[in-house]
């Protein structure tokens, strides 16, 4: 129960950090009134939502990738400690897994770039 409580506090802290870092996106200064007021408000709201979506997406991808890489490295070190003769195979599989995890993070970065600049 104590471990679950620590995880909940950590998750709450991460969520507060995400919201605190996204606050400047909502506090952007209004631009000139070249568009009608309704269109300007929609554009500002869309920009803020894009920034929030991009921040959350890359944050979740990076956090998930970091956890996955840490677990993979820990388990491979444990496997090498148990069977030193299988070190080459374990290291090869770990590197392959780390490459796949990193590729998923890079795909998330590309999606975030598309969200910001294309949508």
N, C-alpha and C. Protein backbone atom coordinates (compact mmCIF):
# COMPACT_ATOMS: atom_id res chain seq x y z
N UNK A 1 0.82 -1.19 0.00
CA UNK A 1 0.00 0.00 0.00
C UNK A 1 0.87 1.26 0.00
N UNK A 2 1.98 1.20 0.75
CA UNK A 2 2.89 2.33 0.82
C UNK A 2 3.52 2.61 -0.54
N UNK A 3 3.84 1.55 -1.27
CA UNK A 3 4.44 1.69 -2.61
C UNK A 3 3.44 2.30 -3.59
N UNK A 4 2.19 1.89 -3.49
CA UNK A 4 1.15 2.44 -4.35
C UNK A 4 0.94 3.92 -4.06
N UNK A 5 1.00 4.28 -2.80
CA UNK A 5 0.85 5.68 -2.41
C UNK A 5 2.00 6.52 -2.96
N UNK A 6 3.22 5.99 -2.92
CA UNK A 6 4.37 6.70 -3.47
C UNK A 6 4.20 6.90 -4.97
N UNK A 7 3.70 5.87 -5.67
CA UNK A 7 3.50 5.98 -7.12
C UNK A 7 2.43 7.02 -7.44
N UNK A 8 1.38 7.06 -6.63
CA UNK A 8 0.33 8.05 -6.86
C UNK A 8 0.84 9.47 -6.64
N UNK A 9 1.66 9.66 -5.61
CA UNK A 9 2.25 10.98 -5.36
C UNK A 9 3.18 11.37 -6.50
N UNK A 10 3.96 10.41 -6.99
CA UNK A 10 4.86 10.70 -8.11
C UNK A 10 4.06 11.07 -9.36
N UNK A 11 2.99 10.35 -9.63
CA UNK A 11 2.14 10.65 -10.78
C UNK A 11 1.50 12.02 -10.64
N UNK A 12 1.04 12.34 -9.45
CA UNK A 12 0.44 13.65 -9.22
C UNK A 12 1.48 14.76 -9.40
N UNK A 13 2.69 14.53 -8.95
CA UNK A 13 3.75 15.51 -9.14
C UNK A 13 4.08 15.73 -10.61
N UNK A 14 4.11 14.65 -11.38
CA UNK A 14 4.38 14.77 -12.81
C UNK A 14 3.25 15.53 -13.50
N UNK A 15 2.02 15.26 -13.15
CA UNK A 15 0.89 15.96 -13.75
C UNK A 15 0.92 17.45 -13.41
N UNK A 16 1.25 17.78 -12.18
CA UNK A 16 1.35 19.20 -11.79
C UNK A 16 2.49 19.87 -12.56
N UNK A 17 3.60 19.17 -12.74
CA UNK A 17 4.71 19.72 -13.52
C UNK A 17 4.31 19.96 -14.97
N UNK A 18 3.58 19.02 -15.56
CA UNK A 18 3.13 19.18 -16.95
C UNK A 18 2.21 20.39 -17.07
N UNK A 19 1.28 20.52 -16.15
CA UNK A 19 0.36 21.65 -16.20
C UNK A 19 1.08 22.97 -15.96
N UNK A 20 2.07 22.96 -15.09
CA UNK A 20 2.82 24.19 -14.82
C UNK A 20 3.65 24.60 -16.04
N UNK A 21 4.20 23.63 -16.74
CA UNK A 21 4.99 23.95 -17.93
C UNK A 21 4.11 24.35 -19.11
N UNK A 22 2.85 23.94 -19.12
CA UNK A 22 1.95 24.29 -20.21
C UNK A 22 1.28 25.64 -19.99
N UNK A 23 1.41 26.21 -18.82
CA UNK A 23 0.74 27.48 -18.51
C UNK A 23 1.15 28.63 -19.44
N UNK A 24 2.43 28.77 -19.83
CA UNK A 24 2.76 29.87 -20.75
C UNK A 24 2.06 29.78 -22.10
N UNK A 25 1.67 28.59 -22.51
CA UNK A 25 0.96 28.46 -23.79
C UNK A 25 -0.41 29.12 -23.71
N UNK A 26 -1.00 29.13 -22.53
CA UNK A 26 -2.30 29.75 -22.36
C UNK A 26 -2.21 31.24 -22.07
N UNK A 27 -1.02 31.73 -21.75
CA UNK A 27 -0.85 33.13 -21.38
C UNK A 27 -0.25 33.95 -22.51
N UNK A 28 -0.37 33.49 -23.74
CA UNK A 28 0.21 34.20 -24.87
C UNK A 28 -0.51 35.53 -25.08
N UNK A 29 0.25 36.55 -25.47
CA UNK A 29 -0.31 37.87 -25.71
C UNK A 29 -1.16 37.85 -26.98
N UNK A 30 -2.27 38.56 -26.99
CA UNK A 30 -3.11 38.58 -28.19
C UNK A 30 -2.41 39.31 -29.33
N UNK A 31 -2.64 38.83 -30.54
CA UNK A 31 -2.05 39.46 -31.72
C UNK A 31 -2.95 40.61 -32.17
N UNK A 32 -2.55 41.27 -33.26
CA UNK A 32 -3.33 42.37 -33.78
C UNK A 32 -4.71 41.88 -34.21
N UNK A 33 -5.65 42.78 -34.22
CA UNK A 33 -7.03 42.45 -34.56
C UNK A 33 -7.25 42.44 -36.07
N UNK A 34 -6.48 41.66 -36.81
CA UNK A 34 -6.66 41.58 -38.25
C UNK A 34 -7.79 40.63 -38.61
N UNK A 35 -8.16 39.74 -37.70
CA UNK A 35 -9.25 38.80 -37.91
C UNK A 35 -10.42 39.19 -37.02
N UNK A 36 -11.60 38.68 -37.34
CA UNK A 36 -12.73 38.91 -36.43
C UNK A 36 -12.44 38.33 -35.04
N UNK A 37 -13.11 38.86 -34.04
CA UNK A 37 -12.83 38.46 -32.66
C UNK A 37 -13.06 36.97 -32.44
N UNK A 38 -14.12 36.42 -33.02
CA UNK A 38 -14.40 34.99 -32.82
C UNK A 38 -13.32 34.12 -33.45
N UNK A 39 -12.87 34.48 -34.64
CA UNK A 39 -11.83 33.70 -35.31
C UNK A 39 -10.52 33.79 -34.54
N UNK A 40 -10.21 34.97 -33.98
CA UNK A 40 -8.98 35.14 -33.21
C UNK A 40 -9.01 34.28 -31.96
N UNK A 41 -10.14 34.23 -31.26
CA UNK A 41 -10.25 33.42 -30.06
C UNK A 41 -10.11 31.94 -30.39
N UNK A 42 -10.68 31.50 -31.51
CA UNK A 42 -10.55 30.10 -31.90
C UNK A 42 -9.11 29.76 -32.23
N UNK A 43 -8.42 30.68 -32.90
CA UNK A 43 -7.02 30.43 -33.25
C UNK A 43 -6.15 30.34 -32.00
N UNK A 44 -6.37 31.21 -31.03
CA UNK A 44 -5.60 31.17 -29.79
C UNK A 44 -5.88 29.89 -29.01
N UNK A 45 -7.14 29.49 -28.96
CA UNK A 45 -7.50 28.26 -28.25
C UNK A 45 -6.89 27.04 -28.92
N UNK A 46 -6.88 27.03 -30.25
CA UNK A 46 -6.31 25.90 -30.98
C UNK A 46 -4.80 25.83 -30.76
N UNK A 47 -4.15 26.99 -30.75
CA UNK A 47 -2.71 27.01 -30.53
C UNK A 47 -2.37 26.50 -29.13
N UNK A 48 -3.14 26.91 -28.15
CA UNK A 48 -2.91 26.43 -26.79
C UNK A 48 -3.12 24.94 -26.66
N UNK A 49 -4.16 24.43 -27.32
CA UNK A 49 -4.43 23.00 -27.27
C UNK A 49 -3.34 22.21 -28.00
N UNK A 50 -2.82 22.75 -29.10
CA UNK A 50 -1.72 22.10 -29.80
C UNK A 50 -0.50 22.01 -28.90
N UNK A 51 -0.20 23.11 -28.21
CA UNK A 51 0.97 23.12 -27.33
C UNK A 51 0.80 22.13 -26.18
N UNK A 52 -0.40 22.09 -25.62
CA UNK A 52 -0.67 21.16 -24.53
C UNK A 52 -0.58 19.71 -25.01
N UNK A 53 -1.17 19.42 -26.17
CA UNK A 53 -1.12 18.06 -26.72
C UNK A 53 0.31 17.65 -27.04
N UNK A 54 1.07 18.57 -27.61
CA UNK A 54 2.45 18.25 -27.96
C UNK A 54 3.29 17.99 -26.70
N UNK A 55 3.10 18.83 -25.68
CA UNK A 55 3.85 18.65 -24.45
C UNK A 55 3.54 17.34 -23.74
N UNK A 56 2.26 17.01 -23.69
CA UNK A 56 1.87 15.76 -23.04
C UNK A 56 2.36 14.56 -23.84
N UNK A 57 2.22 14.62 -25.17
CA UNK A 57 2.62 13.49 -26.01
C UNK A 57 4.11 13.19 -25.90
N UNK A 58 4.94 14.21 -26.01
CA UNK A 58 6.37 13.96 -25.95
C UNK A 58 6.80 13.61 -24.53
N UNK A 59 6.11 14.16 -23.53
CA UNK A 59 6.43 13.82 -22.15
C UNK A 59 6.13 12.37 -21.83
N UNK A 60 4.97 11.90 -22.27
CA UNK A 60 4.60 10.50 -22.03
C UNK A 60 5.53 9.56 -22.80
N UNK A 61 5.85 9.92 -24.04
CA UNK A 61 6.74 9.07 -24.84
C UNK A 61 8.13 8.99 -24.21
N UNK A 62 8.66 10.14 -23.79
CA UNK A 62 10.00 10.15 -23.20
C UNK A 62 10.01 9.40 -21.86
N UNK A 63 8.98 9.61 -21.06
CA UNK A 63 8.93 8.92 -19.76
C UNK A 63 8.78 7.42 -19.95
N UNK A 64 7.90 7.02 -20.86
CA UNK A 64 7.73 5.59 -21.12
C UNK A 64 8.99 4.96 -21.67
N UNK A 65 9.65 5.67 -22.57
CA UNK A 65 10.89 5.15 -23.13
C UNK A 65 11.99 5.04 -22.08
N UNK A 66 12.06 6.03 -21.20
CA UNK A 66 13.09 5.98 -20.15
C UNK A 66 12.85 4.82 -19.19
N UNK A 67 11.60 4.61 -18.84
CA UNK A 67 11.29 3.48 -17.95
C UNK A 67 11.60 2.16 -18.65
N UNK A 68 11.21 2.05 -19.93
CA UNK A 68 11.48 0.83 -20.68
C UNK A 68 12.97 0.56 -20.83
N UNK A 69 13.73 1.60 -21.11
CA UNK A 69 15.18 1.42 -21.25
C UNK A 69 15.83 1.03 -19.93
N UNK A 70 15.36 1.64 -18.86
CA UNK A 70 15.91 1.29 -17.55
C UNK A 70 15.62 -0.15 -17.17
N UNK A 71 14.39 -0.59 -17.42
CA UNK A 71 14.04 -1.98 -17.12
C UNK A 71 14.82 -2.95 -18.00
N UNK A 72 14.97 -2.63 -19.27
CA UNK A 72 15.71 -3.51 -20.17
C UNK A 72 17.17 -3.63 -19.75
N UNK A 73 17.77 -2.52 -19.38
CA UNK A 73 19.16 -2.54 -18.95
C UNK A 73 19.32 -3.31 -17.65
N UNK A 74 18.40 -3.11 -16.73
CA UNK A 74 18.48 -3.81 -15.45
C UNK A 74 18.33 -5.32 -15.63
N UNK A 75 17.37 -5.70 -16.45
CA UNK A 75 17.14 -7.15 -16.65
C UNK A 75 18.29 -7.79 -17.42
N UNK A 76 18.88 -7.06 -18.36
CA UNK A 76 20.01 -7.64 -19.09
C UNK A 76 21.22 -7.79 -18.17
N UNK A 77 21.45 -6.81 -17.31
CA UNK A 77 22.55 -6.94 -16.35
C UNK A 77 22.31 -8.11 -15.40
N UNK A 78 21.06 -8.29 -15.01
CA UNK A 78 20.72 -9.42 -14.15
C UNK A 78 20.94 -10.74 -14.89
N UNK A 79 20.55 -10.77 -16.16
CA UNK A 79 20.74 -12.00 -16.94
C UNK A 79 22.20 -12.31 -17.16
N UNK A 80 23.02 -11.30 -17.40
CA UNK A 80 24.46 -11.52 -17.57
C UNK A 80 25.09 -11.99 -16.27
N UNK A 81 24.60 -11.46 -15.14
CA UNK A 81 25.14 -11.90 -13.85
C UNK A 81 24.79 -13.36 -13.57
N UNK A 82 23.61 -13.79 -14.03
CA UNK A 82 23.21 -15.19 -13.80
C UNK A 82 23.90 -16.15 -14.76
N UNK A 83 24.06 -15.72 -16.03
CA UNK A 83 24.68 -16.58 -17.03
C UNK A 83 25.75 -15.79 -17.80
N UNK A 84 26.93 -15.72 -17.26
CA UNK A 84 27.99 -14.94 -17.93
C UNK A 84 28.34 -15.47 -19.32
N UNK A 85 28.13 -16.76 -19.55
CA UNK A 85 28.48 -17.33 -20.85
C UNK A 85 27.54 -16.86 -21.97
N UNK A 86 26.35 -16.34 -21.62
CA UNK A 86 25.39 -15.85 -22.61
C UNK A 86 25.45 -14.34 -22.76
N UNK A 87 26.57 -13.76 -22.36
CA UNK A 87 26.68 -12.29 -22.36
C UNK A 87 26.50 -11.70 -23.75
N UNK A 88 27.07 -12.29 -24.77
CA UNK A 88 26.98 -11.76 -26.12
C UNK A 88 25.55 -11.73 -26.64
N UNK A 89 24.83 -12.82 -26.44
CA UNK A 89 23.44 -12.88 -26.91
C UNK A 89 22.55 -11.92 -26.14
N UNK A 90 22.76 -11.85 -24.84
CA UNK A 90 21.94 -10.95 -24.01
C UNK A 90 22.20 -9.50 -24.39
N UNK A 91 23.46 -9.15 -24.59
CA UNK A 91 23.79 -7.78 -24.96
C UNK A 91 23.22 -7.42 -26.33
N UNK A 92 23.29 -8.34 -27.27
CA UNK A 92 22.74 -8.09 -28.60
C UNK A 92 21.24 -7.87 -28.54
N UNK A 93 20.54 -8.70 -27.80
CA UNK A 93 19.09 -8.55 -27.69
C UNK A 93 18.71 -7.27 -26.95
N UNK A 94 19.51 -6.91 -25.95
CA UNK A 94 19.24 -5.66 -25.23
C UNK A 94 19.41 -4.46 -26.16
N UNK A 95 20.47 -4.44 -26.94
CA UNK A 95 20.70 -3.33 -27.86
C UNK A 95 19.60 -3.24 -28.90
N UNK A 96 19.15 -4.37 -29.40
CA UNK A 96 18.06 -4.38 -30.37
C UNK A 96 16.78 -3.82 -29.74
N UNK A 97 16.50 -4.23 -28.53
CA UNK A 97 15.32 -3.71 -27.82
C UNK A 97 15.43 -2.22 -27.56
N UNK A 98 16.61 -1.74 -27.17
CA UNK A 98 16.80 -0.31 -26.93
C UNK A 98 16.62 0.50 -28.21
N UNK A 99 17.05 -0.06 -29.33
CA UNK A 99 16.85 0.63 -30.61
C UNK A 99 15.37 0.76 -30.93
N UNK A 100 14.60 -0.30 -30.69
CA UNK A 100 13.16 -0.25 -30.95
C UNK A 100 12.46 0.76 -30.03
N UNK A 101 12.87 0.80 -28.78
CA UNK A 101 12.28 1.76 -27.84
C UNK A 101 12.61 3.19 -28.28
N UNK A 102 13.85 3.43 -28.67
CA UNK A 102 14.25 4.76 -29.11
C UNK A 102 13.53 5.15 -30.39
N UNK A 103 13.29 4.19 -31.27
CA UNK A 103 12.55 4.46 -32.50
C UNK A 103 11.13 4.91 -32.18
N UNK A 104 10.50 4.29 -31.20
CA UNK A 104 9.15 4.70 -30.81
C UNK A 104 9.14 6.13 -30.27
N UNK A 105 10.17 6.51 -29.54
CA UNK A 105 10.27 7.88 -29.02
C UNK A 105 10.46 8.87 -30.17
N UNK A 106 11.27 8.50 -31.15
CA UNK A 106 11.49 9.38 -32.31
C UNK A 106 10.20 9.53 -33.11
N UNK A 107 9.43 8.45 -33.26
CA UNK A 107 8.13 8.55 -33.94
C UNK A 107 7.21 9.51 -33.19
N UNK A 108 7.22 9.45 -31.87
CA UNK A 108 6.40 10.38 -31.08
C UNK A 108 6.86 11.81 -31.31
N UNK A 109 8.16 12.03 -31.42
CA UNK A 109 8.68 13.37 -31.70
C UNK A 109 8.20 13.85 -33.07
N UNK A 110 8.21 12.98 -34.07
CA UNK A 110 7.72 13.35 -35.39
C UNK A 110 6.24 13.70 -35.37
N UNK A 111 5.46 12.93 -34.61
CA UNK A 111 4.03 13.23 -34.50
C UNK A 111 3.82 14.59 -33.84
N UNK A 112 4.60 14.89 -32.82
CA UNK A 112 4.49 16.19 -32.14
C UNK A 112 4.86 17.32 -33.10
N UNK A 113 5.89 17.14 -33.88
CA UNK A 113 6.27 18.15 -34.86
C UNK A 113 5.14 18.36 -35.87
N UNK A 114 4.52 17.28 -36.30
CA UNK A 114 3.38 17.39 -37.22
C UNK A 114 2.21 18.12 -36.56
N UNK A 115 1.96 17.83 -35.28
CA UNK A 115 0.87 18.51 -34.58
C UNK A 115 1.14 20.02 -34.53
N UNK A 116 2.35 20.39 -34.24
CA UNK A 116 2.67 21.81 -34.08
C UNK A 116 2.62 22.56 -35.41
N UNK A 117 3.24 22.01 -36.44
CA UNK A 117 3.42 22.77 -37.67
C UNK A 117 2.39 22.50 -38.77
N UNK A 118 1.73 21.36 -38.76
CA UNK A 118 0.82 21.03 -39.85
C UNK A 118 -0.64 21.23 -39.45
N UNK A 119 -1.02 20.78 -38.30
CA UNK A 119 -2.44 20.87 -37.91
C UNK A 119 -2.83 22.25 -37.46
